PDB file of all heavy atoms in Angstrom:
ATOM      1  N   ASP A   1      69.914-114.841  22.396  1.00  0.00           N
ATOM      2  CA  ASP A   1      70.061-113.394  22.172  1.00  0.00           C
ATOM      3  C   ASP A   1      69.097-112.553  23.011  1.00  0.00           C
ATOM      4  O   ASP A   1      69.067-111.327  22.893  1.00  0.00           O
ATOM      5  CB  ASP A   1      69.890-113.065  20.684  1.00  0.00           C
ATOM      6  CG  ASP A   1      68.493-113.405  20.144  1.00  0.00           C
ATOM      7  OD1 ASP A   1      67.636-113.880  20.925  1.00  0.00           O
ATOM      8  OD2 ASP A   1      68.257-113.184  18.941  1.00  0.00           O
ATOM      9  N   GLY A   2      68.293-113.219  23.853  1.00  0.00           N
ATOM     10  CA  GLY A   2      67.375-112.482  24.725  1.00  0.00           C
ATOM     11  C   GLY A   2      66.159-111.920  24.029  1.00  0.00           C
ATOM     12  O   GLY A   2      65.405-111.132  24.601  1.00  0.00           O
ATOM     13  N   SER A   3      65.900-112.324  22.788  1.00  0.00           N
ATOM     14  CA  SER A   3      64.778-111.758  22.022  1.00  0.00           C
ATOM     15  C   SER A   3      63.422-112.230  22.535  1.00  0.00           C
ATOM     16  O   SER A   3      62.413-111.541  22.361  1.00  0.00           O
ATOM     17  CB  SER A   3      64.926-112.091  20.531  1.00  0.00           C
ATOM     18  OG  SER A   3      65.045-113.491  20.342  1.00  0.00           O
ATOM     19  N   VAL A   4      63.365-113.397  23.160  1.00  0.00           N
ATOM     20  CA  VAL A   4      62.127-113.919  23.754  1.00  0.00           C
ATOM     21  C   VAL A   4      62.469-114.537  25.109  1.00  0.00           C
ATOM     22  O   VAL A   4      63.468-115.249  25.236  1.00  0.00           O
ATOM     23  CB  VAL A   4      61.469-115.001  22.862  1.00  0.00           C
ATOM     24  CG1 VAL A   4      60.146-115.478  23.477  1.00  0.00           C
ATOM     25  CG2 VAL A   4      61.220-114.483  21.456  1.00  0.00           C
ATOM     26  N   GLY A   5      61.642-114.265  26.118  1.00  0.00           N
ATOM     27  CA  GLY A   5      61.837-114.893  27.428  1.00  0.00           C
ATOM     28  C   GLY A   5      63.134-114.488  28.099  1.00  0.00           C
ATOM     29  O   GLY A   5      63.603-113.353  27.972  1.00  0.00           O
ATOM     30  N   SER A   6      63.738-115.425  28.805  1.00  0.00           N
ATOM     31  CA  SER A   6      64.987-115.166  29.529  1.00  0.00           C
ATOM     32  C   SER A   6      66.172-115.155  28.573  1.00  0.00           C
ATOM     33  O   SER A   6      66.222-115.954  27.636  1.00  0.00           O
ATOM     34  CB  SER A   6      65.218-116.258  30.587  1.00  0.00           C
ATOM     35  OG  SER A   6      64.119-116.350  31.467  1.00  0.00           O
ATOM     36  N   ARG A   7      67.114-114.265  28.828  1.00  0.00           N
ATOM     37  CA  ARG A   7      68.348-114.277  28.033  1.00  0.00           C
ATOM     38  C   ARG A   7      69.253-115.376  28.581  1.00  0.00           C
ATOM     39  O   ARG A   7      69.464-115.490  29.780  1.00  0.00           O
ATOM     40  CB  ARG A   7      69.069-112.929  28.115  1.00  0.00           C
ATOM     41  CG  ARG A   7      70.410-112.929  27.357  1.00  0.00           C
ATOM     42  CD  ARG A   7      71.161-111.631  27.547  1.00  0.00           C
ATOM     43  NE  ARG A   7      70.530-110.528  26.841  1.00  0.00           N
ATOM     44  CZ  ARG A   7      70.734-110.214  25.557  1.00  0.00           C
ATOM     45  NH1 ARG A   7      71.560-110.960  24.830  1.00  0.00           N
ATOM     46  NH2 ARG A   7      70.131-109.200  24.999  1.00  0.00           N
ATOM     47  N   GLY A   8      69.762-116.231  27.675  1.00  0.00           N
ATOM     48  CA  GLY A   8      70.662-117.293  28.106  1.00  0.00           C
ATOM     49  C   GLY A   8      70.126-118.659  27.743  1.00  0.00           C
ATOM     50  O   GLY A   8      69.613-118.864  26.646  1.00  0.00           O
ATOM     51  N   ASN A   9      70.231-119.588  28.717  1.00  0.00           N
ATOM     52  CA  ASN A   9      69.837-120.969  28.430  1.00  0.00           C
ATOM     53  C   ASN A   9      68.713-121.424  29.355  1.00  0.00           C
ATOM     54  O   ASN A   9      68.183-120.639  30.143  1.00  0.00           O
ATOM     55  CB  ASN A   9      71.057-121.892  28.537  1.00  0.00           C
ATOM     56  CG  ASN A   9      71.707-121.821  29.924  1.00  0.00           C
ATOM     57  OD1 ASN A   9      71.038-121.663  30.932  1.00  0.00           O
ATOM     58  ND2 ASN A   9      73.027-121.951  29.958  1.00  0.00           N
ATOM     59  N   VAL A  10      68.371-122.706  29.266  1.00  0.00           N
ATOM     60  CA  VAL A  10      67.238-123.213  30.042  1.00  0.00           C
ATOM     61  C   VAL A  10      67.471-123.093  31.546  1.00  0.00           C
ATOM     62  O   VAL A  10      66.525-122.871  32.311  1.00  0.00           O
ATOM     63  CB  VAL A  10      66.918-124.680  29.665  1.00  0.00           C
ATOM     64  CG1 VAL A  10      66.300-124.758  28.281  1.00  0.00           C
ATOM     65  CG2 VAL A  10      68.152-125.576  29.774  1.00  0.00           C
ATOM     66  N   MET A  11      68.719-123.211  31.990  1.00  0.00           N
ATOM     67  CA  MET A  11      69.007-123.071  33.421  1.00  0.00           C
ATOM     68  C   MET A  11      68.760-121.630  33.880  1.00  0.00           C
ATOM     69  O   MET A  11      68.296-121.392  34.998  1.00  0.00           O
ATOM     70  CB  MET A  11      70.452-123.484  33.731  1.00  0.00           C
ATOM     71  CG  MET A  11      70.809-124.910  33.322  1.00  0.00           C
ATOM     72  SD  MET A  11      69.621-126.171  33.862  1.00  0.00           S
ATOM     73  CE  MET A  11      69.687-125.975  35.626  1.00  0.00           C
ATOM     74  N   ASP A  12      69.049-120.666  33.009  1.00  0.00           N
ATOM     75  CA  ASP A  12      68.767-119.263  33.330  1.00  0.00           C
ATOM     76  C   ASP A  12      67.266-119.040  33.476  1.00  0.00           C
ATOM     77  O   ASP A  12      66.819-118.288  34.352  1.00  0.00           O
ATOM     78  CB  ASP A  12      69.323-118.338  32.235  1.00  0.00           C
ATOM     79  CG  ASP A  12      70.844-118.387  32.156  1.00  0.00           C
ATOM     80  OD1 ASP A  12      71.486-118.262  33.217  1.00  0.00           O
ATOM     81  OD2 ASP A  12      71.379-118.565  31.049  1.00  0.00           O
ATOM     82  N   ALA A  13      66.466-119.715  32.631  1.00  0.00           N
ATOM     83  CA  ALA A  13      65.002-119.577  32.713  1.00  0.00           C
ATOM     84  C   ALA A  13      64.475-120.152  34.030  1.00  0.00           C
ATOM     85  O   ALA A  13      63.558-119.588  34.645  1.00  0.00           O
ATOM     86  CB  ALA A  13      64.339-120.278  31.529  1.00  0.00           C
ATOM     87  N   ILE A  14      65.056-121.253  34.501  1.00  0.00           N
ATOM     88  CA  ILE A  14      64.648-121.833  35.786  1.00  0.00           C
ATOM     89  C   ILE A  14      64.931-120.856  36.915  1.00  0.00           C
ATOM     90  O   ILE A  14      64.069-120.588  37.759  1.00  0.00           O
ATOM     91  CB  ILE A  14      65.389-123.173  36.033  1.00  0.00           C
ATOM     92  CG1 ILE A  14      64.815-124.262  35.129  1.00  0.00           C
ATOM     93  CG2 ILE A  14      65.287-123.594  37.502  1.00  0.00           C
ATOM     94  CD1 ILE A  14      65.570-125.577  35.212  1.00  0.00           C
ATOM     95  N   ARG A  15      66.143-120.310  36.914  1.00  0.00           N
ATOM     96  CA  ARG A  15      66.527-119.373  37.986  1.00  0.00           C
ATOM     97  C   ARG A  15      65.690-118.106  37.941  1.00  0.00           C
ATOM     98  O   ARG A  15      65.180-117.640  38.969  1.00  0.00           O
ATOM     99  CB  ARG A  15      68.019-119.035  37.872  1.00  0.00           C
ATOM    100  CG  ARG A  15      68.939-120.148  38.339  1.00  0.00           C
ATOM    101  CD  ARG A  15      70.377-119.678  38.394  1.00  0.00           C
ATOM    102  NE  ARG A  15      70.948-119.568  37.060  1.00  0.00           N
ATOM    103  CZ  ARG A  15      71.585-120.571  36.435  1.00  0.00           C
ATOM    104  NH1 ARG A  15      71.714-121.737  37.027  1.00  0.00           N
ATOM    105  NH2 ARG A  15      72.087-120.394  35.234  1.00  0.00           N
ATOM    106  N   GLU A  16      65.521-117.539  36.753  1.00  0.00           N
ATOM    107  CA  GLU A  16      64.819-116.260  36.618  1.00  0.00           C
ATOM    108  C   GLU A  16      63.355-116.365  37.042  1.00  0.00           C
ATOM    109  O   GLU A  16      62.775-115.420  37.572  1.00  0.00           O
ATOM    110  CB  GLU A  16      64.913-115.787  35.170  1.00  0.00           C
ATOM    111  CG  GLU A  16      64.533-114.334  34.976  1.00  0.00           C
ATOM    112  CD  GLU A  16      64.897-113.833  33.590  1.00  0.00           C
ATOM    113  OE1 GLU A  16      66.098-113.766  33.274  1.00  0.00           O
ATOM    114  OE2 GLU A  16      63.958-113.531  32.823  1.00  0.00           O
ATOM    115  N   ASN A  17      62.749-117.541  36.806  1.00  0.00           N
ATOM    116  CA  ASN A  17      61.339-117.716  37.129  1.00  0.00           C
ATOM    117  C   ASN A  17      61.101-118.405  38.471  1.00  0.00           C
ATOM    118  O   ASN A  17      59.957-118.656  38.843  1.00  0.00           O
ATOM    119  CB  ASN A  17      60.655-118.506  36.011  1.00  0.00           C
ATOM    120  CG  ASN A  17      60.575-117.711  34.711  1.00  0.00           C
ATOM    121  OD1 ASN A  17      59.760-116.803  34.571  1.00  0.00           O
ATOM    122  ND2 ASN A  17      61.448-118.040  33.762  1.00  0.00           N
ATOM    123  N   GLY A  18      62.186-118.711  39.190  1.00  0.00           N
ATOM    124  CA  GLY A  18      62.067-119.332  40.510  1.00  0.00           C
ATOM    125  C   GLY A  18      61.353-120.672  40.482  1.00  0.00           C
ATOM    126  O   GLY A  18      60.519-120.963  41.346  1.00  0.00           O
ATOM    127  N   LEU A  19      61.692-121.514  39.496  1.00  0.00           N
ATOM    128  CA  LEU A  19      60.985-122.773  39.303  1.00  0.00           C
ATOM    129  C   LEU A  19      61.642-123.917  40.078  1.00  0.00           C
ATOM    130  O   LEU A  19      62.839-123.896  40.342  1.00  0.00           O
ATOM    131  CB  LEU A  19      60.970-123.139  37.810  1.00  0.00           C
ATOM    132  CG  LEU A  19      60.406-122.084  36.859  1.00  0.00           C
ATOM    133  CD1 LEU A  19      60.537-122.550  35.418  1.00  0.00           C
ATOM    134  CD2 LEU A  19      58.952-121.773  37.190  1.00  0.00           C
ATOM    135  N   CYS A  20      60.830-124.915  40.436  1.00  0.00           N
ATOM    136  CA  CYS A  20      61.376-126.128  41.048  1.00  0.00           C
ATOM    137  C   CYS A  20      60.532-127.316  40.592  1.00  0.00           C
ATOM    138  O   CYS A  20      59.406-127.154  40.111  1.00  0.00           O
ATOM    139  CB  CYS A  20      61.403-126.028  42.572  1.00  0.00           C
ATOM    140  SG  CYS A  20      59.786-125.771  43.307  1.00  0.00           S
ATOM    141  N   ALA A  21      61.101-128.530  40.732  1.00  0.00           N
ATOM    142  CA  ALA A  21      60.423-129.731  40.247  1.00  0.00           C
ATOM    143  C   ALA A  21      60.859-130.948  41.055  1.00  0.00           C
ATOM    144  O   ALA A  21      61.872-130.919  41.762  1.00  0.00           O
ATOM    145  CB  ALA A  21      60.728-129.946  38.772  1.00  0.00           C
ATOM    146  N   ASP A  22      60.067-132.020  40.931  1.00  0.00           N
ATOM    147  CA  ASP A  22      60.377-133.297  41.580  1.00  0.00           C
ATOM    148  C   ASP A  22      61.187-134.217  40.680  1.00  0.00           C
ATOM    149  O   ASP A  22      61.864-135.129  41.153  1.00  0.00           O
ATOM    150  CB  ASP A  22      59.078-134.044  41.947  1.00  0.00           C
ATOM    151  CG  ASP A  22      58.156-133.212  42.818  1.00  0.00           C
ATOM    152  OD1 ASP A  22      58.659-132.600  43.787  1.00  0.00           O
ATOM    153  OD2 ASP A  22      56.945-133.161  42.522  1.00  0.00           O
ATOM    154  N   VAL A  23      61.075-134.019  39.376  1.00  0.00           N
ATOM    155  CA  VAL A  23      61.757-134.879  38.413  1.00  0.00           C
ATOM    156  C   VAL A  23      61.940-134.105  37.106  1.00  0.00           C
ATOM    157  O   VAL A  23      61.149-133.202  36.805  1.00  0.00           O
ATOM    158  CB  VAL A  23      60.968-136.208  38.190  1.00  0.00           C
ATOM    159  CG1 VAL A  23      59.574-135.931  37.684  1.00  0.00           C
ATOM    160  CG2 VAL A  23      61.688-137.151  37.249  1.00  0.00           C
ATOM    161  N   ILE A  24      63.001-134.441  36.366  1.00  0.00           N
ATOM    162  CA  ILE A  24      63.331-133.721  35.130  1.00  0.00           C
ATOM    163  C   ILE A  24      63.356-134.689  33.952  1.00  0.00           C
ATOM    164  O   ILE A  24      63.868-135.805  34.063  1.00  0.00           O
ATOM    165  CB  ILE A  24      64.717-133.040  35.234  1.00  0.00           C
ATOM    166  CG1 ILE A  24      64.729-131.993  36.361  1.00  0.00           C
ATOM    167  CG2 ILE A  24      65.113-132.389  33.898  1.00  0.00           C
ATOM    168  CD1 ILE A  24      66.105-131.415  36.638  1.00  0.00           C
ATOM    169  N   TYR A  25      62.821-134.223  32.828  1.00  0.00           N
ATOM    170  CA  TYR A  25      62.924-134.933  31.552  1.00  0.00           C
ATOM    171  C   TYR A  25      63.541-133.950  30.567  1.00  0.00           C
ATOM    172  O   TYR A  25      63.061-132.821  30.457  1.00  0.00           O
ATOM    173  CB  TYR A  25      61.543-135.360  31.052  1.00  0.00           C
ATOM    174  CG  TYR A  25      60.887-136.431  31.891  1.00  0.00           C
ATOM    175  CD1 TYR A  25      60.286-136.117  33.108  1.00  0.00           C
ATOM    176  CD2 TYR A  25      60.866-137.761  31.471  1.00  0.00           C
ATOM    177  CE1 TYR A  25      59.691-137.102  33.895  1.00  0.00           C
ATOM    178  CE2 TYR A  25      60.265-138.744  32.237  1.00  0.00           C
ATOM    179  CZ  TYR A  25      59.688-138.411  33.442  1.00  0.00           C
ATOM    180  OH  TYR A  25      59.105-139.390  34.215  1.00  0.00           O
ATOM    181  N   ALA A  26      64.584-134.378  29.838  1.00  0.00           N
ATOM    182  CA  ALA A  26      65.280-133.410  28.993  1.00  0.00           C
ATOM    183  C   ALA A  26      65.843-134.037  27.731  1.00  0.00           C
ATOM    184  O   ALA A  26      66.196-135.220  27.699  1.00  0.00           O
ATOM    185  CB  ALA A  26      66.421-132.752  29.785  1.00  0.00           C
ATOM    186  N   CYS A  27      65.933-133.207  26.692  1.00  0.00           N
ATOM    187  CA  CYS A  27      66.547-133.600  25.422  1.00  0.00           C
ATOM    188  C   CYS A  27      67.208-132.374  24.819  1.00  0.00           C
ATOM    189  O   CYS A  27      66.604-131.299  24.769  1.00  0.00           O
ATOM    190  CB  CYS A  27      65.497-134.155  24.464  1.00  0.00           C
ATOM    191  SG  CYS A  27      66.187-134.719  22.883  1.00  0.00           S
ATOM    192  N   GLY A  28      68.443-132.541  24.375  1.00  0.00           N
ATOM    193  CA  GLY A  28      69.118-131.390  23.781  1.00  0.00           C
ATOM    194  C   GLY A  28      70.604-131.608  23.666  1.00  0.00           C
ATOM    195  O   GLY A  28      71.106-132.721  23.859  1.00  0.00           O
ATOM    196  N   PRO A  29      71.350-130.538  23.380  1.00  0.00           N
ATOM    197  CA  PRO A  29      72.799-130.656  23.188  1.00  0.00           C
ATOM    198  C   PRO A  29      73.511-131.024  24.492  1.00  0.00           C
ATOM    199  O   PRO A  29      73.012-130.766  25.594  1.00  0.00           O
ATOM    200  CB  PRO A  29      73.205-129.265  22.682  1.00  0.00           C
ATOM    201  CG  PRO A  29      72.107-128.356  23.109  1.00  0.00           C
ATOM    202  CD  PRO A  29      70.861-129.174  23.142  1.00  0.00           C
ATOM    203  N   MET A  30      74.682-131.604  24.367  1.00  0.00           N
ATOM    204  CA  MET A  30      75.405-132.130  25.512  1.00  0.00           C
ATOM    205  C   MET A  30      75.717-131.091  26.598  1.00  0.00           C
ATOM    206  O   MET A  30      75.571-131.395  27.787  1.00  0.00           O
ATOM    207  CB  MET A  30      76.688-132.822  25.048  1.00  0.00           C
ATOM    208  CG  MET A  30      77.266-133.776  26.067  1.00  0.00           C
ATOM    209  SD  MET A  30      76.136-135.130  26.508  1.00  0.00           S
ATOM    210  CE  MET A  30      76.458-136.293  25.195  1.00  0.00           C
ATOM    211  N   PRO A  31      76.135-129.855  26.262  1.00  0.00           N
ATOM    212  CA  PRO A  31      76.383-128.890  27.337  1.00  0.00           C
ATOM    213  C   PRO A  31      75.142-128.635  28.198  1.00  0.00           C
ATOM    214  O   PRO A  31      75.238-128.492  29.420  1.00  0.00           O
ATOM    215  CB  PRO A  31      76.810-127.620  26.583  1.00  0.00           C
ATOM    216  CG  PRO A  31      77.338-128.116  25.286  1.00  0.00           C
ATOM    217  CD  PRO A  31      76.506-129.313  24.941  1.00  0.00           C
ATOM    218  N   MET A  32      73.977-128.587  27.569  1.00  0.00           N
ATOM    219  CA  MET A  32      72.726-128.417  28.305  1.00  0.00           C
ATOM    220  C   MET A  32      72.466-129.602  29.220  1.00  0.00           C
ATOM    221  O   MET A  32      72.104-129.445  30.391  1.00  0.00           O
ATOM    222  CB  MET A  32      71.566-128.243  27.320  1.00  0.00           C
ATOM    223  CG  MET A  32      70.218-128.028  27.984  1.00  0.00           C
ATOM    224  SD  MET A  32      68.862-128.131  26.785  1.00  0.00           S
ATOM    225  CE  MET A  32      68.095-129.651  27.321  1.00  0.00           C
ATOM    226  N   LEU A  33      72.659-130.815  28.704  1.00  0.00           N
ATOM    227  CA  LEU A  33      72.394-132.011  29.503  1.00  0.00           C
ATOM    228  C   LEU A  33      73.370-132.124  30.673  1.00  0.00           C
ATOM    229  O   LEU A  33      72.997-132.584  31.756  1.00  0.00           O
ATOM    230  CB  LEU A  33      72.460-133.257  28.620  1.00  0.00           C
ATOM    231  CG  LEU A  33      71.407-133.324  27.506  1.00  0.00           C
ATOM    232  CD1 LEU A  33      71.581-134.608  26.700  1.00  0.00           C
ATOM    233  CD2 LEU A  33      69.981-133.231  28.057  1.00  0.00           C
ATOM    234  N   ARG A  34      74.622-131.696  30.473  1.00  0.00           N
ATOM    235  CA  ARG A  34      75.591-131.707  31.582  1.00  0.00           C
ATOM    236  C   ARG A  34      75.131-130.767  32.695  1.00  0.00           C
ATOM    237  O   ARG A  34      75.220-131.089  33.879  1.00  0.00           O
ATOM    238  CB  ARG A  34      76.979-131.286  31.081  1.00  0.00           C
ATOM    239  CG  ARG A  34      77.667-132.333  30.236  1.00  0.00           C
ATOM    240  CD  ARG A  34      79.141-131.995  30.021  1.00  0.00           C
ATOM    241  NE  ARG A  34      79.713-132.911  29.041  1.00  0.00           N
ATOM    242  CZ  ARG A  34      80.000-132.582  27.787  1.00  0.00           C
ATOM    243  NH1 ARG A  34      79.790-131.344  27.337  1.00  0.00           N
ATOM    244  NH2 ARG A  34      80.508-133.478  26.962  1.00  0.00           N
ATOM    245  N   ALA A  35      74.652-129.589  32.294  1.00  0.00           N
ATOM    246  CA  ALA A  35      74.176-128.618  33.287  1.00  0.00           C
ATOM    247  C   ALA A  35      72.952-129.156  34.029  1.00  0.00           C
ATOM    248  O   ALA A  35      72.814-128.978  35.244  1.00  0.00           O
ATOM    249  CB  ALA A  35      73.852-127.290  32.609  1.00  0.00           C
ATOM    250  N   ILE A  36      72.072-129.829  33.311  1.00  0.00           N
ATOM    251  CA  ILE A  36      70.877-130.402  33.935  1.00  0.00           C
ATOM    252  C   ILE A  36      71.250-131.528  34.881  1.00  0.00           C
ATOM    253  O   ILE A  36      70.705-131.637  35.987  1.00  0.00           O
ATOM    254  CB  ILE A  36      69.894-130.895  32.840  1.00  0.00           C
ATOM    255  CG1 ILE A  36      69.269-129.685  32.140  1.00  0.00           C
ATOM    256  CG2 ILE A  36      68.813-131.803  33.429  1.00  0.00           C
ATOM    257  CD1 ILE A  36      68.468-130.024  30.909  1.00  0.00           C
ATOM    258  N   LYS A  37      72.194-132.362  34.488  1.00  0.00           N
ATOM    259  CA  LYS A  37      72.651-133.449  35.366  1.00  0.00           C
ATOM    260  C   LYS A  37      73.210-132.886  36.670  1.00  0.00           C
ATOM    261  O   LYS A  37      72.894-133.372  37.762  1.00  0.00           O
ATOM    262  CB  LYS A  37      73.713-134.293  34.647  1.00  0.00           C
ATOM    263  CG  LYS A  37      74.268-135.405  35.521  1.00  0.00           C
ATOM    264  CD  LYS A  37      75.313-136.261  34.822  1.00  0.00           C
ATOM    265  CE  LYS A  37      75.850-137.288  35.811  1.00  0.00           C
ATOM    266  NZ  LYS A  37      76.807-138.223  35.213  1.00  0.00           N
ATOM    267  N   LYS A  38      74.027-131.845  36.553  1.00  0.00           N
ATOM    268  CA  LYS A  38      74.623-131.212  37.745  1.00  0.00           C
ATOM    269  C   LYS A  38      73.529-130.624  38.637  1.00  0.00           C
ATOM    270  O   LYS A  38      73.530-130.803  39.871  1.00  0.00           O
ATOM    271  CB  LYS A  38      75.602-130.122  37.299  1.00  0.00           C
ATOM    272  CG  LYS A  38      76.326-129.401  38.425  1.00  0.00           C
ATOM    273  CD  LYS A  38      77.437-128.532  37.836  1.00  0.00           C
ATOM    274  CE  LYS A  38      78.209-127.801  38.924  1.00  0.00           C
ATOM    275  NZ  LYS A  38      77.462-126.668  39.490  1.00  0.00           N
TER     276      LYS A  38
END
């Protein structure tokens, strides 16, 4: 609902903050994990 931080999901937070990484560790619902895999 956009009440804290970025509005949307974890991928939106990565884009909004211009983040990058060498490796990812994740746990959560399947739609989130599919987006992270992609």
